Amino acid sequence: MLVDILAYVAGALLIVGAFFSLAAAIGILRLPDLYTRMHAASKAGTLGSGLALIAIAVFAMDGSVSMRALAGFVFFLLTAPISAHLLAKAAYAAGYRPLDEMHVNDLEKKK
């Protein structure tokens, strides 16, 4: 009985994670500039892959697999937003400017 419930929970987590991964992929294809694409990839992609790792932790019912999956999820949560931020700063320094529709540009030097 408990195994069946855990299988359904893991399946639901995988479906939700796949939805967020699909949203990230669509965001990469459809959003207009580098910065918004990077935002979609880092936020939704991290959540999608993290939910897949949590599903693995739930379904495995093995302590070592669950701990590695949860450690991977924490690693994703800590590194993906920071790396996206640093990549955006490097892109701005390399000359990729945001769209004109973006009204606030905190990186622009004040005169």
C-alpha atoms as a PDB file:
ATOM      1  CA  MET A   1       0.000   0.000   0.000  1.00  0.00           C
ATOM      2  CA  LEU A   2       2.754   2.462   0.951  1.00  0.00           C
ATOM      3  CA  VAL A   3       4.772   1.511  -2.123  1.00  0.00           C
ATOM      4  CA  ASP A   4       1.828   2.369  -4.359  1.00  0.00           C
ATOM      5  CA  ILE A   5       1.356   5.755  -2.681  1.00  0.00           C
ATOM      6  CA  LEU A   6       5.052   6.555  -3.052  1.00  0.00           C
ATOM      7  CA  ALA A   7       4.907   5.539  -6.717  1.00  0.00           C
ATOM      8  CA  TYR A   8       2.006   7.947  -7.308  1.00  0.00           C
ATOM      9  CA  VAL A   9       3.797  10.750  -5.449  1.00  0.00           C
ATOM     10  CA  ALA A  10       6.971  10.157  -7.468  1.00  0.00           C
ATOM     11  CA  GLY A  11       4.947  10.098 -10.691  1.00  0.00           C
ATOM     12  CA  ALA A  12       3.221  13.375  -9.803  1.00  0.00           C
ATOM     13  CA  LEU A  13       6.575  14.972  -8.995  1.00  0.00           C
ATOM     14  CA  LEU A  14       7.982  13.788 -12.326  1.00  0.00           C
ATOM     15  CA  ILE A  15       5.005  15.194 -14.232  1.00  0.00           C
ATOM     16  CA  VAL A  16       5.261  18.579 -12.508  1.00  0.00           C
ATOM     17  CA  GLY A  17       9.040  18.598 -13.021  1.00  0.00           C
ATOM     18  CA  ALA A  18       8.576  17.766 -16.700  1.00  0.00           C
ATOM     19  CA  PHE A  19       6.086  20.629 -17.001  1.00  0.00           C
ATOM     20  CA  PHE A  20       8.601  23.097 -15.567  1.00  0.00           C
ATOM     21  CA  SER A  21      11.356  21.728 -17.807  1.00  0.00           C
ATOM     22  CA  LEU A  22       9.053  22.131 -20.806  1.00  0.00           C
ATOM     23  CA  ALA A  23       8.279  25.694 -19.719  1.00  0.00           C
ATOM     24  CA  ALA A  24      12.016  26.395 -19.522  1.00  0.00           C
ATOM     25  CA  ALA A  25      12.571  24.981 -23.008  1.00  0.00           C
ATOM     26  CA  ILE A  26       9.708  27.019 -24.448  1.00  0.00           C
ATOM     27  CA  GLY A  27      11.056  30.099 -22.673  1.00  0.00           C
ATOM     28  CA  ILE A  28      14.475  29.599 -24.234  1.00  0.00           C
ATOM     29  CA  LEU A  29      12.899  29.378 -27.676  1.00  0.00           C
ATOM     30  CA  ARG A  30      10.317  32.142 -27.375  1.00  0.00           C
ATOM     31  CA  LEU A  31      11.698  34.891 -25.156  1.00  0.00           C
ATOM     32  CA  PRO A  32      13.213  37.891 -26.926  1.00  0.00           C
ATOM     33  CA  ASP A  33      16.686  38.433 -25.495  1.00  0.00           C
ATOM     34  CA  LEU A  34      19.577  36.741 -23.752  1.00  0.00           C
ATOM     35  CA  TYR A  35      18.640  37.871 -20.254  1.00  0.00           C
ATOM     36  CA  THR A  36      15.035  36.706 -20.290  1.00  0.00           C
ATOM     37  CA  ARG A  37      16.081  33.401 -21.861  1.00  0.00           C
ATOM     38  CA  MET A  38      18.676  32.925 -19.164  1.00  0.00           C
ATOM     39  CA  HIS A  39      16.049  33.667 -16.519  1.00  0.00           C
ATOM     40  CA  ALA A  40      13.729  31.003 -17.922  1.00  0.00           C
ATOM     41  CA  ALA A  41      16.495  28.436 -18.146  1.00  0.00           C
ATOM     42  CA  SER A  42      17.847  29.033 -14.665  1.00  0.00           C
ATOM     43  CA  LYS A  43      14.589  29.297 -12.721  1.00  0.00           C
ATOM     44  CA  ALA A  44      12.226  26.862 -14.425  1.00  0.00           C
ATOM     45  CA  GLY A  45      14.985  24.460 -15.434  1.00  0.00           C
ATOM     46  CA  THR A  46      16.291  24.287 -11.900  1.00  0.00           C
ATOM     47  CA  LEU A  47      12.835  23.638 -10.503  1.00  0.00           C
ATOM     48  CA  GLY A  48      12.101  20.972 -13.121  1.00  0.00           C
ATOM     49  CA  SER A  49      15.316  19.056 -12.596  1.00  0.00           C
ATOM     50  CA  GLY A  50      15.033  19.479  -8.830  1.00  0.00           C
ATOM     51  CA  LEU A  51      11.543  17.982  -8.779  1.00  0.00           C
ATOM     52  CA  ALA A  52      12.808  15.066 -10.854  1.00  0.00           C
ATOM     53  CA  LEU A  53      15.557  14.467  -8.296  1.00  0.00           C
ATOM     54  CA  ILE A  54      13.040  14.601  -5.452  1.00  0.00           C
ATOM     55  CA  ALA A  55      10.912  12.054  -7.331  1.00  0.00           C
ATOM     56  CA  ILE A  56      13.950   9.782  -7.535  1.00  0.00           C
ATOM     57  CA  ALA A  57      14.518  10.219  -3.795  1.00  0.00           C
ATOM     58  CA  VAL A  58      10.891   9.324  -3.039  1.00  0.00           C
ATOM     59  CA  PHE A  59      10.719   6.343  -5.372  1.00  0.00           C
ATOM     60  CA  ALA A  60      14.111   4.798  -4.535  1.00  0.00           C
ATOM     61  CA  MET A  61      13.293   3.990  -0.898  1.00  0.00           C
ATOM     62  CA  ASP A  62      17.015   3.625  -0.311  1.00  0.00           C
ATOM     63  CA  GLY A  63      18.790   5.962   2.061  1.00  0.00           C
ATOM     64  CA  SER A  64      21.958   6.391   0.033  1.00  0.00           C
ATOM     65  CA  VAL A  65      20.119   7.104  -3.232  1.00  0.00           C
ATOM     66  CA  SER A  66      17.747   9.513  -1.497  1.00  0.00           C
ATOM     67  CA  MET A  67      20.589  11.406   0.163  1.00  0.00           C
ATOM     68  CA  ARG A  68      22.469  11.747  -3.138  1.00  0.00           C
ATOM     69  CA  ALA A  69      19.329  12.915  -4.921  1.00  0.00           C
ATOM     70  CA  LEU A  70      18.568  15.478  -2.205  1.00  0.00           C
ATOM     71  CA  ALA A  71      22.194  16.634  -2.216  1.00  0.00           C
ATOM     72  CA  GLY A  72      21.946  17.101  -5.985  1.00  0.00           C
ATOM     73  CA  PHE A  73      18.741  19.118  -5.536  1.00  0.00           C
ATOM     74  CA  VAL A  74      20.410  21.385  -2.969  1.00  0.00           C
ATOM     75  CA  PHE A  75      23.409  21.737  -5.281  1.00  0.00           C
ATOM     76  CA  PHE A  76      21.089  22.807  -8.128  1.00  0.00           C
ATOM     77  CA  LEU A  77      19.353  25.347  -5.894  1.00  0.00           C
ATOM     78  CA  LEU A  78      22.649  26.851  -4.772  1.00  0.00           C
ATOM     79  CA  THR A  79      24.541  26.947  -8.054  1.00  0.00           C
ATOM     80  CA  ALA A  80      22.087  27.589 -10.903  1.00  0.00           C
ATOM     81  CA  PRO A  81      20.877  31.083  -9.879  1.00  0.00           C
ATOM     82  CA  ILE A  82      24.401  32.204  -9.005  1.00  0.00           C
ATOM     83  CA  SER A  83      25.865  30.950 -12.272  1.00  0.00           C
ATOM     84  CA  ALA A  84      23.039  32.578 -14.273  1.00  0.00           C
ATOM     85  CA  HIS A  85      23.694  35.876 -12.501  1.00  0.00           C
ATOM     86  CA  LEU A  86      27.416  35.701 -13.242  1.00  0.00           C
ATOM     87  CA  LEU A  87      26.794  34.745 -16.870  1.00  0.00           C
ATOM     88  CA  ALA A  88      24.416  37.703 -17.254  1.00  0.00           C
ATOM     89  CA  LYS A  89      27.015  40.081 -15.825  1.00  0.00           C
ATOM     90  CA  ALA A  90      29.657  38.661 -18.165  1.00  0.00           C
ATOM     91  CA  ALA A  91      27.311  39.026 -21.149  1.00  0.00           C
ATOM     92  CA  TYR A  92      26.619  42.637 -20.221  1.00  0.00           C
ATOM     93  CA  ALA A  93      30.343  43.324 -19.863  1.00  0.00           C
ATOM     94  CA  ALA A  94      30.923  41.726 -23.280  1.00  0.00           C
ATOM     95  CA  GLY A  95      28.501  44.178 -24.865  1.00  0.00           C
ATOM     96  CA  TYR A  96      25.159  42.376 -24.995  1.00  0.00           C
ATOM     97  CA  ARG A  97      22.672  45.061 -23.989  1.00  0.00           C
ATOM     98  CA  PRO A  98      19.108  44.391 -22.851  1.00  0.00           C
ATOM     99  CA  LEU A  99      16.155  45.268 -25.041  1.00  0.00           C
ATOM    100  CA  ASP A 100      15.017  48.865 -25.253  1.00  0.00           C
ATOM    101  CA  GLU A 101      11.687  47.854 -23.675  1.00  0.00           C
ATOM    102  CA  MET A 102      13.529  47.177 -20.424  1.00  0.00           C
ATOM    103  CA  HIS A 103      13.145  50.465 -18.599  1.00  0.00           C
ATOM    104  CA  VAL A 104      15.439  49.773 -15.643  1.00  0.00           C
ATOM    105  CA  ASN A 105      19.108  49.030 -16.265  1.00  0.00           C
ATOM    106  CA  ASP A 106      20.956  48.860 -12.967  1.00  0.00           C
ATOM    107  CA  LEU A 107      24.253  47.976 -14.630  1.00  0.00           C
ATOM    108  CA  GLU A 108      24.387  51.100 -16.758  1.00  0.00           C
ATOM    109  CA  LYS A 109      26.899  53.623 -15.472  1.00  0.00           C
ATOM    110  CA  LYS A 110      25.362  56.797 -14.105  1.00  0.00           C
ATOM    111  CA  LYS A 111      26.597  60.045 -15.649  1.00  0.00           C
END
